[in-house]
Amino acid sequence: MGTTAEVIDRWALTELLDAPPSWLSSGQRQRVFLASQLPAAADVIVIDEPERHLDADWVDVLCAELVTLADDGAVIVVATHSPAVLAHCHDVIELG
């Protein structure tokens, strides 16, 4: 998934590194969370609505990250209502 510097760059976190969490918007906090959690080595990732609080451009970054993880062999289970995220899924199970 890259070095720490690459992750910081990919998620545009440089300007956020010195800011207290209370100063960050919900979208910025979500980017920090995803950037800190997705690079962790795991065989299985279960994530609930990872696209929440992200605009369309950041959802694209998220989807690219999830696809890369899957291509590297991780099993990813995503709970989502997002058509953009669903479009990147190999298998979809609809509940309800």
N, C-alpha and C. Protein backbone atom coordinates (compact mmCIF):
# COMPACT_ATOMS: atom_id res chain seq x y z
N MET A 1 0.82 -1.20 0.00
CA MET A 1 0.00 0.00 0.00
C MET A 1 0.86 1.26 0.00
N GLY A 2 2.16 1.12 0.19
CA GLY A 2 3.03 2.28 0.11
C GLY A 2 3.60 2.69 1.45
N THR A 3 4.53 3.60 1.37
CA THR A 3 5.15 4.14 2.58
C THR A 3 4.18 5.10 3.26
N THR A 4 4.54 5.49 4.47
CA THR A 4 3.72 6.46 5.19
C THR A 4 3.58 7.75 4.40
N ALA A 5 4.69 8.21 3.81
CA ALA A 5 4.65 9.45 3.01
C ALA A 5 3.72 9.29 1.81
N GLU A 6 3.73 8.12 1.19
CA GLU A 6 2.85 7.90 0.03
C GLU A 6 1.39 7.88 0.45
N VAL A 7 1.11 7.29 1.60
CA VAL A 7 -0.27 7.26 2.10
C VAL A 7 -0.73 8.67 2.45
N ILE A 8 0.12 9.43 3.10
CA ILE A 8 -0.21 10.82 3.44
C ILE A 8 -0.49 11.61 2.16
N ASP A 9 0.32 11.42 1.15
CA ASP A 9 0.12 12.11 -0.12
C ASP A 9 -1.16 11.65 -0.82
N ARG A 10 -1.37 10.34 -0.88
CA ARG A 10 -2.54 9.79 -1.56
C ARG A 10 -3.84 10.32 -0.98
N TRP A 11 -3.88 10.45 0.35
CA TRP A 11 -5.10 10.90 1.02
C TRP A 11 -5.08 12.40 1.34
N ALA A 12 -4.07 13.13 0.82
CA ALA A 12 -3.95 14.59 0.99
C ALA A 12 -4.07 15.00 2.46
N LEU A 13 -3.21 14.40 3.28
CA LEU A 13 -3.28 14.65 4.72
C LEU A 13 -2.24 15.62 5.23
N THR A 14 -1.32 16.04 4.41
CA THR A 14 -0.23 16.89 4.86
C THR A 14 -0.72 18.10 5.65
N GLU A 15 -1.70 18.80 5.12
CA GLU A 15 -2.19 20.01 5.79
C GLU A 15 -3.00 19.69 7.05
N LEU A 16 -3.34 18.43 7.25
CA LEU A 16 -4.16 18.05 8.40
C LEU A 16 -3.35 17.51 9.57
N LEU A 17 -2.08 17.22 9.35
CA LEU A 17 -1.28 16.51 10.35
C LEU A 17 -1.15 17.24 11.68
N ASP A 18 -1.10 18.55 11.65
CA ASP A 18 -0.94 19.31 12.89
C ASP A 18 -2.25 19.83 13.46
N ALA A 19 -3.35 19.55 12.79
CA ALA A 19 -4.64 20.06 13.25
C ALA A 19 -5.25 19.14 14.31
N PRO A 20 -5.82 19.72 15.35
CA PRO A 20 -6.54 18.89 16.32
C PRO A 20 -7.74 18.22 15.64
N PRO A 21 -8.06 17.00 16.02
CA PRO A 21 -9.20 16.32 15.39
C PRO A 21 -10.50 17.12 15.40
N SER A 22 -10.70 17.91 16.45
CA SER A 22 -11.94 18.69 16.54
C SER A 22 -12.03 19.77 15.45
N TRP A 23 -10.92 20.12 14.84
CA TRP A 23 -10.91 21.13 13.78
C TRP A 23 -11.21 20.54 12.41
N LEU A 24 -11.19 19.21 12.30
CA LEU A 24 -11.37 18.56 11.00
C LEU A 24 -12.85 18.37 10.69
N SER A 25 -13.16 18.48 9.42
CA SER A 25 -14.53 18.19 8.97
C SER A 25 -14.75 16.68 9.05
N SER A 26 -15.99 16.26 8.93
CA SER A 26 -16.28 14.82 8.97
C SER A 26 -15.60 14.08 7.81
N GLY A 27 -15.53 14.70 6.65
CA GLY A 27 -14.85 14.09 5.52
C GLY A 27 -13.35 13.97 5.75
N GLN A 28 -12.76 14.99 6.34
CA GLN A 28 -11.32 14.93 6.66
C GLN A 28 -11.04 13.84 7.70
N ARG A 29 -11.90 13.75 8.71
CA ARG A 29 -11.72 12.69 9.72
C ARG A 29 -11.85 11.32 9.09
N GLN A 30 -12.77 11.16 8.14
CA GLN A 30 -12.94 9.87 7.48
C GLN A 30 -11.70 9.52 6.65
N ARG A 31 -11.13 10.51 5.97
CA ARG A 31 -9.90 10.27 5.19
C ARG A 31 -8.76 9.84 6.11
N VAL A 32 -8.62 10.50 7.26
CA VAL A 32 -7.58 10.12 8.21
C VAL A 32 -7.81 8.69 8.69
N PHE A 33 -9.04 8.35 9.00
CA PHE A 33 -9.35 6.99 9.45
C PHE A 33 -9.00 5.97 8.37
N LEU A 34 -9.45 6.19 7.15
CA LEU A 34 -9.18 5.24 6.07
C LEU A 34 -7.69 5.12 5.79
N ALA A 35 -7.00 6.25 5.78
CA ALA A 35 -5.56 6.24 5.52
C ALA A 35 -4.81 5.48 6.61
N SER A 36 -5.29 5.54 7.84
CA SER A 36 -4.61 4.86 8.94
C SER A 36 -4.96 3.38 9.03
N GLN A 37 -6.12 3.00 8.53
CA GLN A 37 -6.57 1.62 8.69
C GLN A 37 -6.35 0.74 7.47
N LEU A 38 -6.56 1.26 6.28
CA LEU A 38 -6.48 0.42 5.09
C LEU A 38 -5.09 -0.13 4.80
N PRO A 39 -4.00 0.60 5.09
CA PRO A 39 -2.69 0.03 4.79
C PRO A 39 -2.27 -1.11 5.72
N ALA A 40 -2.98 -1.32 6.82
CA ALA A 40 -2.62 -2.39 7.75
C ALA A 40 -2.77 -3.73 7.05
N ALA A 41 -1.77 -4.57 7.18
CA ALA A 41 -1.80 -5.89 6.54
C ALA A 41 -2.90 -6.73 7.17
N ALA A 42 -3.84 -7.17 6.35
CA ALA A 42 -4.92 -8.02 6.83
C ALA A 42 -5.39 -8.90 5.68
N ASP A 43 -5.72 -10.14 6.01
CA ASP A 43 -6.24 -11.04 4.99
C ASP A 43 -7.71 -10.76 4.69
N VAL A 44 -8.42 -10.26 5.72
CA VAL A 44 -9.85 -9.97 5.59
C VAL A 44 -10.09 -8.58 6.15
N ILE A 45 -10.82 -7.76 5.40
CA ILE A 45 -11.18 -6.42 5.84
C ILE A 45 -12.70 -6.33 5.79
N VAL A 46 -13.30 -5.95 6.91
CA VAL A 46 -14.74 -5.75 7.00
C VAL A 46 -14.93 -4.27 7.31
N ILE A 47 -15.66 -3.58 6.45
CA ILE A 47 -15.80 -2.13 6.62
C ILE A 47 -17.23 -1.70 6.30
N ASP A 48 -17.78 -0.86 7.15
CA ASP A 48 -19.17 -0.42 7.04
C ASP A 48 -19.22 1.01 6.49
N GLU A 49 -19.82 1.16 5.34
CA GLU A 49 -20.02 2.45 4.70
C GLU A 49 -18.77 3.33 4.72
N PRO A 50 -17.67 2.83 4.16
CA PRO A 50 -16.43 3.61 4.18
C PRO A 50 -16.51 4.91 3.40
N GLU A 51 -17.50 5.02 2.53
CA GLU A 51 -17.65 6.22 1.71
C GLU A 51 -18.35 7.37 2.43
N ARG A 52 -18.86 7.10 3.62
CA ARG A 52 -19.61 8.16 4.32
C ARG A 52 -18.73 9.39 4.55
N HIS A 53 -19.31 10.52 4.33
CA HIS A 53 -18.67 11.83 4.50
C HIS A 53 -17.65 12.17 3.41
N LEU A 54 -17.48 11.31 2.41
CA LEU A 54 -16.52 11.59 1.34
C LEU A 54 -17.25 12.12 0.12
N ASP A 55 -16.63 13.08 -0.57
CA ASP A 55 -17.22 13.53 -1.84
C ASP A 55 -16.84 12.52 -2.93
N ALA A 56 -17.38 12.73 -4.12
CA ALA A 56 -17.21 11.76 -5.21
C ALA A 56 -15.73 11.49 -5.54
N ASP A 57 -14.91 12.52 -5.52
CA ASP A 57 -13.49 12.32 -5.82
C ASP A 57 -12.82 11.42 -4.79
N TRP A 58 -13.16 11.59 -3.53
CA TRP A 58 -12.57 10.76 -2.48
C TRP A 58 -13.14 9.36 -2.49
N VAL A 59 -14.38 9.21 -2.91
CA VAL A 59 -14.94 7.87 -3.08
C VAL A 59 -14.16 7.12 -4.16
N ASP A 60 -13.76 7.82 -5.21
CA ASP A 60 -12.93 7.20 -6.25
C ASP A 60 -11.59 6.73 -5.69
N VAL A 61 -10.97 7.55 -4.84
CA VAL A 61 -9.70 7.17 -4.20
C VAL A 61 -9.93 5.94 -3.33
N LEU A 62 -10.99 5.96 -2.54
CA LEU A 62 -11.33 4.83 -1.69
C LEU A 62 -11.50 3.55 -2.51
N CYS A 63 -12.27 3.63 -3.58
CA CYS A 63 -12.51 2.45 -4.42
C CYS A 63 -11.21 1.92 -5.01
N ALA A 64 -10.35 2.81 -5.45
CA ALA A 64 -9.06 2.38 -5.99
C ALA A 64 -8.25 1.66 -4.91
N GLU A 65 -8.29 2.15 -3.69
CA GLU A 65 -7.57 1.51 -2.58
C GLU A 65 -8.13 0.12 -2.31
N LEU A 66 -9.45 0.02 -2.27
CA LEU A 66 -10.07 -1.28 -2.00
C LEU A 66 -9.78 -2.28 -3.11
N VAL A 67 -9.80 -1.83 -4.35
CA VAL A 67 -9.48 -2.71 -5.48
C VAL A 67 -8.03 -3.17 -5.38
N THR A 68 -7.13 -2.28 -5.04
CA THR A 68 -5.72 -2.65 -4.89
C THR A 68 -5.55 -3.70 -3.80
N LEU A 69 -6.22 -3.50 -2.67
CA LEU A 69 -6.15 -4.48 -1.58
C LEU A 69 -6.67 -5.83 -2.04
N ALA A 70 -7.79 -5.83 -2.75
CA ALA A 70 -8.37 -7.08 -3.25
C ALA A 70 -7.44 -7.74 -4.26
N ASP A 71 -6.86 -6.95 -5.14
CA ASP A 71 -5.92 -7.49 -6.13
C ASP A 71 -4.69 -8.09 -5.46
N ASP A 72 -4.34 -7.56 -4.28
CA ASP A 72 -3.20 -8.08 -3.53
C ASP A 72 -3.57 -9.30 -2.68
N GLY A 73 -4.84 -9.73 -2.76
CA GLY A 73 -5.24 -10.97 -2.10
C GLY A 73 -6.15 -10.83 -0.90
N ALA A 74 -6.46 -9.62 -0.48
CA ALA A 74 -7.34 -9.45 0.68
C ALA A 74 -8.78 -9.75 0.29
N VAL A 75 -9.52 -10.29 1.23
CA VAL A 75 -10.96 -10.44 1.08
C VAL A 75 -11.57 -9.22 1.75
N ILE A 76 -12.39 -8.51 1.02
CA ILE A 76 -12.98 -7.27 1.54
C ILE A 76 -14.49 -7.40 1.55
N VAL A 77 -15.07 -7.20 2.71
CA VAL A 77 -16.52 -7.21 2.87
C VAL A 77 -16.92 -5.77 3.19
N VAL A 78 -17.76 -5.20 2.33
CA VAL A 78 -18.17 -3.81 2.47
C VAL A 78 -19.69 -3.74 2.60
N ALA A 79 -20.16 -3.06 3.62
CA ALA A 79 -21.57 -2.72 3.73
C ALA A 79 -21.71 -1.31 3.17
N THR A 80 -22.52 -1.14 2.14
CA THR A 80 -22.63 0.17 1.49
C THR A 80 -23.97 0.33 0.80
N HIS A 81 -24.35 1.58 0.61
CA HIS A 81 -25.50 1.94 -0.21
C HIS A 81 -25.03 2.69 -1.45
N SER A 82 -23.74 2.84 -1.59
CA SER A 82 -23.17 3.67 -2.65
C SER A 82 -23.06 2.92 -3.98
N PRO A 83 -23.74 3.42 -5.01
CA PRO A 83 -23.59 2.80 -6.34
C PRO A 83 -22.14 2.83 -6.83
N ALA A 84 -21.40 3.87 -6.47
CA ALA A 84 -20.00 3.98 -6.91
C ALA A 84 -19.16 2.87 -6.29
N VAL A 85 -19.36 2.58 -5.02
CA VAL A 85 -18.62 1.50 -4.36
C VAL A 85 -19.09 0.16 -4.90
N LEU A 86 -20.38 -0.02 -5.04
CA LEU A 86 -20.92 -1.28 -5.57
C LEU A 86 -20.39 -1.61 -6.96
N ALA A 87 -20.16 -0.58 -7.76
CA ALA A 87 -19.66 -0.79 -9.12
C ALA A 87 -18.28 -1.43 -9.14
N HIS A 88 -17.55 -1.33 -8.05
CA HIS A 88 -16.20 -1.89 -7.97
C HIS A 88 -16.16 -3.26 -7.31
N CYS A 89 -17.31 -3.74 -6.86
CA CYS A 89 -17.36 -5.02 -6.15
C CYS A 89 -17.43 -6.19 -7.13
N HIS A 90 -16.76 -7.27 -6.77
CA HIS A 90 -16.80 -8.48 -7.60
C HIS A 90 -18.12 -9.22 -7.39
N ASP A 91 -18.55 -9.31 -6.15
CA ASP A 91 -19.80 -10.00 -5.81
C ASP A 91 -20.62 -9.06 -4.93
N VAL A 92 -21.93 -9.07 -5.14
CA VAL A 92 -22.82 -8.22 -4.35
C VAL A 92 -23.93 -9.10 -3.77
N ILE A 93 -24.14 -8.98 -2.48
CA ILE A 93 -25.25 -9.65 -1.81
C ILE A 93 -26.17 -8.55 -1.29
N GLU A 94 -27.41 -8.55 -1.78
CA GLU A 94 -28.36 -7.53 -1.34
C GLU A 94 -29.18 -8.08 -0.18
N LEU A 95 -29.28 -7.30 0.87
CA LEU A 95 -30.07 -7.66 2.05
C LEU A 95 -31.34 -6.84 2.06
N GLY A 96 -32.38 -7.45 2.59
CA GLY A 96 -33.60 -6.67 2.76
C GLY A 96 -34.77 -7.20 2.03
